[in-house]
C-alpha atoms as a PDB file:
ATOM      1  CA  MET A   1      -5.215  21.305  -7.533  1.00  0.00           C
ATOM      2  CA  ASN A   2      -7.650  19.263  -9.695  1.00  0.00           C
ATOM      3  CA  LEU A   3      -7.520  15.647  -9.263  1.00  0.00           C
ATOM      4  CA  ILE A   4      -7.955  15.099 -12.457  1.00  0.00           C
ATOM      5  CA  ASN A   5      -4.981  16.850 -14.087  1.00  0.00           C
ATOM      6  CA  ALA A   6      -2.813  15.487 -10.899  1.00  0.00           C
ATOM      7  CA  LEU A   7      -3.321  11.649 -11.975  1.00  0.00           C
ATOM      8  CA  ARG A   8      -0.526  10.928 -14.617  1.00  0.00           C
ATOM      9  CA  SER A   9      -1.333   8.367 -17.007  1.00  0.00           C
ATOM     10  CA  GLU A  10       1.979   7.132 -16.918  1.00  0.00           C
ATOM     11  CA  CYS A  11       2.035   6.699 -13.800  1.00  0.00           C
ATOM     12  CA  VAL A  12      -0.829   4.111 -13.523  1.00  0.00           C
ATOM     13  CA  MET A  13      -0.581   0.223 -13.490  1.00  0.00           C
ATOM     14  CA  ALA A  14      -2.730  -2.687 -13.464  1.00  0.00           C
ATOM     15  CA  GLN A  15      -2.522  -6.304 -12.604  1.00  0.00           C
ATOM     16  CA  ALA A  16       0.876  -5.753 -10.822  1.00  0.00           C
ATOM     17  CA  ASP A  17       2.724  -8.983  -9.595  1.00  0.00           C
ATOM     18  CA  CYS A  18       3.844  -7.460  -6.078  1.00  0.00           C
ATOM     19  CA  ARG A  19       4.015 -10.400  -3.290  1.00  0.00           C
ATOM     20  CA  THR A  20       5.669  -7.898  -0.084  1.00  0.00           C
ATOM     21  CA  ARG A  21       4.767  -4.324   0.853  1.00  0.00           C
ATOM     22  CA  GLU A  22       8.861  -3.971  -0.244  1.00  0.00           C
ATOM     23  CA  GLU A  23       8.078  -4.949  -3.545  1.00  0.00           C
ATOM     24  CA  VAL A  24       5.213  -2.383  -3.755  1.00  0.00           C
ATOM     25  CA  LEU A  25       6.966   0.755  -2.871  1.00  0.00           C
ATOM     26  CA  ALA A  26       9.772  -0.021  -5.114  1.00  0.00           C
ATOM     27  CA  ALA A  27       6.984  -0.439  -7.975  1.00  0.00           C
ATOM     28  CA  ILE A  28       5.555   2.874  -6.828  1.00  0.00           C
ATOM     29  CA  ALA A  29       8.490   4.188  -7.353  1.00  0.00           C
ATOM     30  CA  LYS A  30       9.200   3.157 -10.251  1.00  0.00           C
ATOM     31  CA  LEU A  31       6.078   4.321 -12.185  1.00  0.00           C
ATOM     32  CA  ALA A  32       6.281   7.769 -10.192  1.00  0.00           C
ATOM     33  CA  LYS A  33       9.652   8.465 -11.869  1.00  0.00           C
ATOM     34  CA  LYS A  34       7.723   7.842 -15.060  1.00  0.00           C
ATOM     35  CA  SER A  35       6.203  11.230 -14.458  1.00  0.00           C
ATOM     36  CA  ALA A  36       8.541  14.582 -16.050  1.00  0.00           C
ATOM     37  CA  VAL A  37       7.290  16.108 -12.966  1.00  0.00           C
ATOM     38  CA  LEU A  38       9.668  14.318 -10.810  1.00  0.00           C
ATOM     39  CA  ALA A  39      12.802  14.443 -13.886  1.00  0.00           C
ATOM     40  CA  ASN A  40      15.017  15.183 -11.235  1.00  0.00           C
ATOM     41  CA  LEU A  41      14.579  13.366  -8.440  1.00  0.00           C
ATOM     42  CA  GLU A  42      16.145   9.558  -7.969  1.00  0.00           C
ATOM     43  CA  GLU A  43      13.995   6.861  -7.732  1.00  0.00           C
ATOM     44  CA  SER A  44      15.822   5.734  -4.634  1.00  0.00           C
ATOM     45  CA  VAL A  45      14.722   9.530  -2.967  1.00  0.00           C
ATOM     46  CA  LEU A  46      11.051   8.739  -4.084  1.00  0.00           C
ATOM     47  CA  LEU A  47      11.193   5.077  -2.362  1.00  0.00           C
ATOM     48  CA  LYS A  48      12.818   6.672   0.784  1.00  0.00           C
ATOM     49  CA  GLY A  49       9.884   9.472   0.930  1.00  0.00           C
ATOM     50  CA  LEU A  50       7.262   6.518   0.930  1.00  0.00           C
ATOM     51  CA  ALA A  51       8.843   4.141   3.269  1.00  0.00           C
ATOM     52  CA  ASP A  52       9.466   6.651   5.802  1.00  0.00           C
ATOM     53  CA  ARG A  53       6.217   7.705   5.414  1.00  0.00           C
ATOM     54  CA  GLU A  54       4.783   4.271   6.139  1.00  0.00           C
ATOM     55  CA  GLU A  55       7.145   4.243   8.925  1.00  0.00           C
ATOM     56  CA  LEU A  56       5.076   7.025  10.924  1.00  0.00           C
ATOM     57  CA  SER A  57       1.615   4.867  10.348  1.00  0.00           C
ATOM     58  CA  THR A  58       0.412   2.885   7.655  1.00  0.00           C
ATOM     59  CA  THR A  59      -1.628   4.386   4.754  1.00  0.00           C
ATOM     60  CA  GLY A  60      -3.531   0.476   4.688  1.00  0.00           C
ATOM     61  CA  PHE A  61      -6.797   2.184   5.376  1.00  0.00           C
ATOM     62  CA  GLY A  62      -8.825  -1.312   5.479  1.00  0.00           C
ATOM     63  CA  ASN A  63     -11.416  -2.764   2.716  1.00  0.00           C
ATOM     64  CA  GLY A  64      -8.155  -3.804   0.277  1.00  0.00           C
ATOM     65  CA  ILE A  65      -6.941   0.217  -0.522  1.00  0.00           C
ATOM     66  CA  ALA A  66      -4.125   1.860   0.565  1.00  0.00           C
ATOM     67  CA  ILE A  67      -3.221   5.222  -0.182  1.00  0.00           C
ATOM     68  CA  PRO A  68       0.748   5.690  -0.063  1.00  0.00           C
ATOM     69  CA  HIS A  69       2.158   9.389  -0.028  1.00  0.00           C
ATOM     70  CA  CYS A  70       4.782  11.688   0.880  1.00  0.00           C
ATOM     71  CA  ARG A  71       6.073  15.170   0.663  1.00  0.00           C
ATOM     72  CA  LEU A  72       9.341  15.806  -0.933  1.00  0.00           C
ATOM     73  CA  ASP A  73      11.466  19.025  -1.431  1.00  0.00           C
ATOM     74  CA  GLY A  74      12.450  19.459  -5.252  1.00  0.00           C
ATOM     75  CA  VAL A  75       8.773  18.360  -6.210  1.00  0.00           C
ATOM     76  CA  GLU A  76       7.011  21.555  -8.046  1.00  0.00           C
ATOM     77  CA  ASP A  77       3.726  19.609  -8.309  1.00  0.00           C
ATOM     78  CA  PHE A  78       1.450  16.618  -7.235  1.00  0.00           C
ATOM     79  CA  VAL A  79       2.256  12.993  -9.009  1.00  0.00           C
ATOM     80  CA  VAL A  80      -0.968  10.897  -8.400  1.00  0.00           C
ATOM     81  CA  GLY A  81      -0.646   7.359 -10.119  1.00  0.00           C
ATOM     82  CA  ILE A  82      -2.525   4.283  -9.158  1.00  0.00           C
ATOM     83  CA  LEU A  83      -1.287   0.557  -8.970  1.00  0.00           C
ATOM     84  CA  SER A  84      -3.460  -2.954  -8.375  1.00  0.00           C
ATOM     85  CA  VAL A  85      -2.540  -5.894  -7.370  1.00  0.00           C
ATOM     86  CA  PRO A  86      -5.961  -8.346  -7.538  1.00  0.00           C
ATOM     87  CA  ASP A  87      -3.879 -11.174  -5.732  1.00  0.00           C
ATOM     88  CA  GLY A  88      -3.433  -8.639  -2.750  1.00  0.00           C
ATOM     89  CA  VAL A  89      -0.356  -7.932  -0.017  1.00  0.00           C
ATOM     90  CA  GLU A  90       0.077  -7.885   3.356  1.00  0.00           C
ATOM     91  CA  PHE A  91       0.413  -3.914   3.425  1.00  0.00           C
ATOM     92  CA  ALA A  92      -0.016  -3.649   7.797  1.00  0.00           C
ATOM     93  CA  ALA A  93      -3.333  -2.046   6.839  1.00  0.00           C
ATOM     94  CA  MET A  94      -5.535  -0.996   9.703  1.00  0.00           C
ATOM     95  CA  ASP A  95      -8.004  -4.035   9.235  1.00  0.00           C
ATOM     96  CA  GLY A  96      -5.111  -6.488   8.396  1.00  0.00           C
ATOM     97  CA  ALA A  97      -6.716  -7.394   5.214  1.00  0.00           C
ATOM     98  CA  PRO A  98      -4.632  -8.024   2.216  1.00  0.00           C
ATOM     99  CA  VAL A  99      -4.225  -4.381   0.388  1.00  0.00           C
ATOM    100  CA  LYS A 100      -5.425  -4.969  -3.525  1.00  0.00           C
ATOM    101  CA  LEU A 101      -5.596  -1.335  -4.480  1.00  0.00           C
ATOM    102  CA  PHE A 102      -2.925   1.242  -4.316  1.00  0.00           C
ATOM    103  CA  VAL A 103      -3.487   5.401  -5.000  1.00  0.00           C
ATOM    104  CA  PHE A 104      -0.563   7.083  -4.395  1.00  0.00           C
ATOM    105  CA  ILE A 105       0.581  10.301  -3.952  1.00  0.00           C
ATOM    106  CA  ILE A 106       3.903  12.386  -4.615  1.00  0.00           C
ATOM    107  CA  ALA A 107       3.416  15.946  -3.115  1.00  0.00           C
ATOM    108  CA  PRO A 108       5.552  18.955  -2.734  1.00  0.00           C
ATOM    109  CA  SER A 109       6.725  19.878   0.862  1.00  0.00           C
ATOM    110  CA  SER A 110       5.424  23.634   0.908  1.00  0.00           C
ATOM    111  CA  SER A 111       1.837  22.096  -0.362  1.00  0.00           C
ATOM    112  CA  SER A 112       0.192  20.502   2.689  1.00  0.00           C
ATOM    113  CA  ASN A 113      -3.339  22.110   3.028  1.00  0.00           C
ATOM    114  CA  ILE A 114      -3.525  20.930  -1.426  1.00  0.00           C
ATOM    115  CA  HIS A 115      -2.252  17.577  -0.159  1.00  0.00           C
ATOM    116  CA  ILE A 116      -4.883  16.941   2.468  1.00  0.00           C
ATOM    117  CA  LYS A 117      -7.592  18.042   0.100  1.00  0.00           C
ATOM    118  CA  VAL A 118      -5.891  15.508  -2.545  1.00  0.00           C
ATOM    119  CA  LEU A 119      -6.046  12.820  -0.221  1.00  0.00           C
ATOM    120  CA  SER A 120      -9.699  13.336   0.752  1.00  0.00           C
ATOM    121  CA  ALA A 121     -10.429  13.322  -2.700  1.00  0.00           C
ATOM    122  CA  ILE A 122      -9.267  10.338  -3.432  1.00  0.00           C
ATOM    123  CA  SER A 123     -10.727   8.603  -0.452  1.00  0.00           C
ATOM    124  CA  GLN A 124     -14.056   9.625  -1.392  1.00  0.00           C
ATOM    125  CA  VAL A 125     -13.836   7.743  -4.711  1.00  0.00           C
ATOM    126  CA  LEU A 126     -11.974   4.695  -2.394  1.00  0.00           C
ATOM    127  CA  ASN A 127     -15.058   4.853  -0.262  1.00  0.00           C
ATOM    128  CA  VAL A 128     -17.691   3.303  -2.440  1.00  0.00           C
ATOM    129  CA  PRO A 129     -16.854  -1.026  -2.587  1.00  0.00           C
ATOM    130  CA  ALA A 130     -18.052  -1.134  -6.479  1.00  0.00           C
ATOM    131  CA  ASN A 131     -15.857   2.019  -7.681  1.00  0.00           C
ATOM    132  CA  VAL A 132     -12.747  -0.413  -6.117  1.00  0.00           C
ATOM    133  CA  GLU A 133     -14.255  -3.315  -7.318  1.00  0.00           C
ATOM    134  CA  GLU A 134     -14.526  -2.054 -10.801  1.00  0.00           C
ATOM    135  CA  MET A 135     -11.042  -0.795 -10.841  1.00  0.00           C
ATOM    136  CA  LEU A 136      -9.733  -4.205  -9.928  1.00  0.00           C
ATOM    137  CA  GLN A 137     -11.136  -5.618 -12.593  1.00  0.00           C
ATOM    138  CA  ALA A 138      -9.074  -3.518 -15.282  1.00  0.00           C
ATOM    139  CA  PRO A 139      -6.889  -5.347 -17.631  1.00  0.00           C
ATOM    140  CA  THR A 140      -4.883  -2.341 -18.283  1.00  0.00           C
ATOM    141  CA  GLY A 141      -3.231   0.393 -17.137  1.00  0.00           C
ATOM    142  CA  GLU A 142      -5.210   2.921 -19.438  1.00  0.00           C
ATOM    143  CA  VAL A 143      -8.427   1.160 -18.307  1.00  0.00           C
ATOM    144  CA  LEU A 144      -7.721   1.617 -14.275  1.00  0.00           C
ATOM    145  CA  ALA A 145      -7.293   5.166 -15.190  1.00  0.00           C
ATOM    146  CA  GLU A 146     -10.336   5.407 -16.710  1.00  0.00           C
ATOM    147  CA  ASN A 147     -12.504   3.571 -14.303  1.00  0.00           C
ATOM    148  CA  PHE A 148     -10.570   6.129 -11.535  1.00  0.00           C
ATOM    149  CA  LEU A 149     -11.474   9.043 -13.249  1.00  0.00           C
ATOM    150  CA  ARG A 150     -15.050   8.250 -14.054  1.00  0.00           C
ATOM    151  CA  HIS A 151     -15.835   8.852 -10.156  1.00  0.00           C
ATOM    152  CA  VAL A 152     -13.805  11.622  -9.624  1.00  0.00           C
ATOM    153  CA  ARG A 153     -15.885  14.731  -9.703  1.00  0.00           C
ATOM    154  CA  ASP A 154     -14.265  17.510 -12.143  1.00  0.00           C
ATOM    155  CA  GLU A 155     -14.197  21.034  -9.771  1.00  0.00           C
ATOM    156  CA  ALA A 156     -13.437  24.369 -11.270  1.00  0.00           C
ATOM    157  CA  ASP A 157     -10.858  26.739  -9.480  1.00  0.00           C
ATOM    158  CA  PRO A 158     -11.973  28.255  -6.353  1.00  0.00           C
ATOM    159  CA  LYS A 159     -10.771  31.689  -7.591  1.00  0.00           C
ATOM    160  CA  GLU A 160     -13.633  31.458 -10.653  1.00  0.00           C
ATOM    161  CA  HIS A 161     -16.202  31.322  -8.011  1.00  0.00           C
ATOM    162  CA  ASP A 162     -17.502  33.887  -5.405  1.00  0.00           C
ATOM    163  CA  ASN A 163     -20.287  32.446  -4.291  1.00  0.00           C
ATOM    164  CA  LYS A 164     -20.507  30.660  -1.166  1.00  0.00           C
ATOM    165  CA  ASN A 165     -22.909  28.912   1.183  1.00  0.00           C
ATOM    166  CA  LEU A 166     -21.828  28.156   4.790  1.00  0.00           C
ATOM    167  CA  PHE A 167     -22.737  24.779   6.287  1.00  0.00           C
ATOM    168  CA  ARG A 168     -23.034  24.464   9.829  1.00  0.00           C
ATOM    169  CA  VAL A 169     -22.771  21.006  11.056  1.00  0.00           C
ATOM    170  CA  GLN A 170     -23.378  20.039  14.553  1.00  0.00           C
ATOM    171  CA  ILE A 171     -22.306  16.307  15.713  1.00  0.00           C
ATOM    172  CA  GLN A 172     -22.736  14.218  18.404  1.00  0.00           C
ATOM    173  CA  ASP A 173     -21.134  11.028  17.288  1.00  0.00           C
ATOM    174  CA  GLU A 174     -17.274  10.981  16.888  1.00  0.00           C
ATOM    175  CA  GLU A 175     -17.472   8.322  13.883  1.00  0.00           C
ATOM    176  CA  LEU A 176     -19.876  10.400  12.088  1.00  0.00           C
ATOM    177  CA  PHE A 177     -17.783  13.201  12.427  1.00  0.00           C
ATOM    178  CA  GLN A 178     -14.570  11.697  11.149  1.00  0.00           C
ATOM    179  CA  ASP A 179     -16.522  10.611   7.866  1.00  0.00           C
ATOM    180  CA  VAL A 180     -18.022  14.151   7.155  1.00  0.00           C
ATOM    181  CA  ILE A 181     -15.142  16.112   8.046  1.00  0.00           C
ATOM    182  CA  LYS A 182     -13.098  14.104   5.212  1.00  0.00           C
ATOM    183  CA  ILE A 183     -16.277  14.932   2.702  1.00  0.00           C
ATOM    184  CA  PHE A 184     -15.758  18.810   2.829  1.00  0.00           C
ATOM    185  CA  ALA A 185     -11.985  18.294   2.992  1.00  0.00           C
ATOM    186  CA  GLY A 186     -12.054  16.663  -0.209  1.00  0.00           C
ATOM    187  CA  PHE A 187     -13.601  19.780  -2.106  1.00  0.00           C
ATOM    188  CA  ASN A 188     -11.230  21.979  -3.228  1.00  0.00           C
ATOM    189  CA  SER A 189     -13.235  24.933  -2.940  1.00  0.00           C
ATOM    190  CA  SER A 190     -14.234  24.562   0.992  1.00  0.00           C
ATOM    191  CA  THR A 191     -12.436  26.175   4.001  1.00  0.00           C
ATOM    192  CA  VAL A 192     -13.376  23.999   7.153  1.00  0.00           C
ATOM    193  CA  MET A 193     -12.954  24.530  10.906  1.00  0.00           C
ATOM    194  CA  VAL A 194     -14.188  22.948  13.657  1.00  0.00           C
ATOM    195  CA  THR A 195     -15.783  24.205  17.341  1.00  0.00           C
ATOM    196  CA  GLU A 196     -16.274  22.306  20.578  1.00  0.00           C
ATOM    197  CA  ALA A 197     -19.685  22.529  21.748  1.00  0.00           C
ATOM    198  CA  GLU A 198     -21.927  21.137  24.233  1.00  0.00           C
ATOM    199  CA  PRO A 199     -25.534  20.125  24.045  1.00  0.00           C
ATOM    200  CA  ALA A 200     -28.073  21.930  26.148  1.00  0.00           C
ATOM    201  CA  ALA A 201     -29.216  19.309  28.196  1.00  0.00           C
ATOM    202  CA  ASN A 202     -25.880  19.541  29.905  1.00  0.00           C
ATOM    203  CA  TYR A 203     -27.812  22.593  31.449  1.00  0.00           C
ATOM    204  CA  ILE A 204     -31.215  22.128  31.331  1.00  0.00           C
ATOM    205  CA  HIS A 205     -31.191  18.939  33.353  1.00  0.00           C
ATOM    206  CA  LYS A 206     -29.537  21.152  36.125  1.00  0.00           C
ATOM    207  CA  MET A 207     -32.798  23.414  36.369  1.00  0.00           C
ATOM    208  CA  PRO A 208     -35.341  22.389  38.766  1.00  0.00           C
ATOM    209  CA  LEU A 209     -38.027  22.409  36.621  1.00  0.00           C
ATOM    210  CA  PHE A 210     -36.342  19.494  34.115  1.00  0.00           C
ATOM    211  CA  ALA A 211     -34.288  17.904  36.795  1.00  0.00           C
ATOM    212  CA  GLY A 212     -36.581  14.349  35.777  1.00  0.00           C
ATOM    213  CA  PHE A 213     -36.141  14.471  32.348  1.00  0.00           C
ATOM    214  CA  TRP A 214     -32.191  13.550  31.865  1.00  0.00           C
ATOM    215  CA  SER A 215     -29.755  11.813  33.677  1.00  0.00           C
ATOM    216  CA  ASP A 216     -26.327  12.519  34.889  1.00  0.00           C
ATOM    217  CA  LYS A 217     -24.982  11.373  31.791  1.00  0.00           C
ATOM    218  CA  GLN A 218     -24.835  13.561  29.043  1.00  0.00           C
ATOM    219  CA  ALA A 219     -23.360  13.507  25.601  1.00  0.00           C
ATOM    220  CA  GLU A 220     -19.568  13.412  25.438  1.00  0.00           C
ATOM    221  CA  PHE A 221     -19.021  13.677  22.212  1.00  0.00           C
ATOM    222  CA  CYS A 222     -20.213  17.579  20.774  1.00  0.00           C
ATOM    223  CA  LYS A 223     -18.723  19.076  17.703  1.00  0.00           C
ATOM    224  CA  VAL A 224     -19.603  21.750  14.948  1.00  0.00           C
ATOM    225  CA  ILE A 225     -17.820  21.801  11.851  1.00  0.00           C
ATOM    226  CA  LEU A 226     -17.934  25.118   9.880  1.00  0.00           C
ATOM    227  CA  ALA A 227     -17.352  24.959   6.002  1.00  0.00           C
ATOM    228  CA  THR A 228     -17.873  27.407   3.572  1.00  0.00           C
ATOM    229  CA  VAL A 229     -19.027  25.700   0.528  1.00  0.00           C
ATOM    230  CA  ASP A 230     -19.276  26.767  -3.254  1.00  0.00           C
ATOM    231  CA  LYS A 231     -23.175  26.974  -4.348  1.00  0.00           C
ATOM    232  CA  LYS A 232     -22.793  24.894  -7.365  1.00  0.00           C
ATOM    233  CA  ASP A 233     -21.243  22.283  -5.165  1.00  0.00           C
ATOM    234  CA  THR A 234     -23.916  22.788  -1.767  1.00  0.00           C
ATOM    235  CA  ASN A 235     -26.246  19.738  -3.698  1.00  0.00           C
ATOM    236  CA  GLU A 236     -23.393  17.439  -4.103  1.00  0.00           C
ATOM    237  CA  THR A 237     -22.242  18.202  -0.416  1.00  0.00           C
ATOM    238  CA  ILE A 238     -25.599  17.346   0.853  1.00  0.00           C
ATOM    239  CA  ARG A 239     -26.360  14.081  -1.315  1.00  0.00           C
ATOM    240  CA  ARG A 240     -22.619  12.875  -0.587  1.00  0.00           C
ATOM    241  CA  ILE A 241     -23.345  13.530   3.610  1.00  0.00           C
ATOM    242  CA  GLU A 242     -26.614  11.516   3.345  1.00  0.00           C
ATOM    243  CA  GLN A 243     -24.702   9.032   1.142  1.00  0.00           C
ATOM    244  CA  LYS A 244     -22.693   8.469   3.970  1.00  0.00           C
ATOM    245  CA  VAL A 245     -24.846   9.035   7.165  1.00  0.00           C
ATOM    246  CA  GLY A 246     -27.968   8.217   5.667  1.00  0.00           C
ATOM    247  CA  SER A 247     -31.483  10.063   5.828  1.00  0.00           C
ATOM    248  CA  LEU A 248     -30.607  12.981   8.094  1.00  0.00           C
ATOM    249  CA  ASP A 249     -34.006  13.111   9.206  1.00  0.00           C
ATOM    250  CA  GLU A 250     -33.946  10.123  10.756  1.00  0.00           C
ATOM    251  CA  ARG A 251     -30.722  10.581  12.895  1.00  0.00           C
ATOM    252  CA  ASP A 252     -30.885  12.247  16.184  1.00  0.00           C
ATOM    253  CA  ASP A 253     -26.896  12.615  16.385  1.00  0.00           C
ATOM    254  CA  ILE A 254     -26.621  15.365  13.635  1.00  0.00           C
ATOM    255  CA  LEU A 255     -28.024  18.304  12.738  1.00  0.00           C
ATOM    256  CA  LEU A 256     -26.968  19.925   9.155  1.00  0.00           C
ATOM    257  CA  THR A 257     -27.946  23.690   8.174  1.00  0.00           C
ATOM    258  CA  VAL A 258     -26.832  25.789   5.186  1.00  0.00           C
ATOM    259  CA  GLN A 259     -26.605  29.734   4.644  1.00  0.00           C
ATOM    260  CA  GLU A 260     -26.218  31.459   1.987  1.00  0.00           C
ATOM    261  CA  LEU A 261     -23.574  34.172   2.495  1.00  0.00           C
ATOM    262  CA  PHE A 262     -23.767  37.856   1.494  1.00  0.00           C
ATOM    263  CA  TYR A 263     -20.147  38.388   1.797  1.00  0.00           C
ATOM    264  CA  CYS A 264     -17.190  35.883   1.890  1.00  0.00           C
ATOM    265  CA  ALA A 265     -13.097  36.575   1.097  1.00  0.00           C
ATOM    266  CA  GLY A 266     -10.018  34.825   2.694  1.00  0.00           C
ATOM    267  CA  ASN A 267      -9.026  31.705   3.391  1.00  0.00           C
ATOM    268  CA  LEU A 268      -7.839  28.844   5.809  1.00  0.00           C
ATOM    269  CA  ASN A 269      -5.241  26.758   6.588  1.00  0.00           C
ATOM    270  CA  ILE A 270      -6.165  23.363   7.651  1.00  0.00           C
END
């Protein structure tokens, strides 16, 4: 699923005058209904799906952004749209701040893997404050869509690319782990899994020769991300990781290695 193709221009509205969360969800349902993809669904069904998802947990992720989304039976393809509310709306966001920018997704009920990738790709765009500010300044839906798409990386169908690299990221910081795994999940071409690990110090400090070098308290968080990525996306993936965590050479809680794969076939559910 290419995010550029999923964004429906008819489902984008700038400078909306919404004052409550209920008004925002109603406006999103009305916008989504404009897409021919959802012609067989009533606006009330869309609204209920969005509202039910918000009851599970807020999609207001902080910093003035939210990604309302739901999966519905009868939907054949993804519908992505955008609503900007410059004055902000109380949306039960994680940081308690008003939400000003809403990028929403209506997804097929059977496409959870693709849904996760679309969510992650949108998150990558919205994680850059300058991108969000530019979108909020857009005076029309057309300009808003253009501003969003300017920051979306066009990805080809992964079936067209057989050459893969294997990323192995060892991480000892939980917050870093969450940031990095979002990056891999945002690539259509990426397949990701996570394994548990332990730092070698947990064992070495028990040896008499090295007993004085470590305290009893060792690293409690240690995971390894394994991800296959198209070779053409390798440099971009590394760039995104360093953009998020800073220079890898200056950290002592993350190690990244990349291997060229001789053969890679198959796929995994996220």
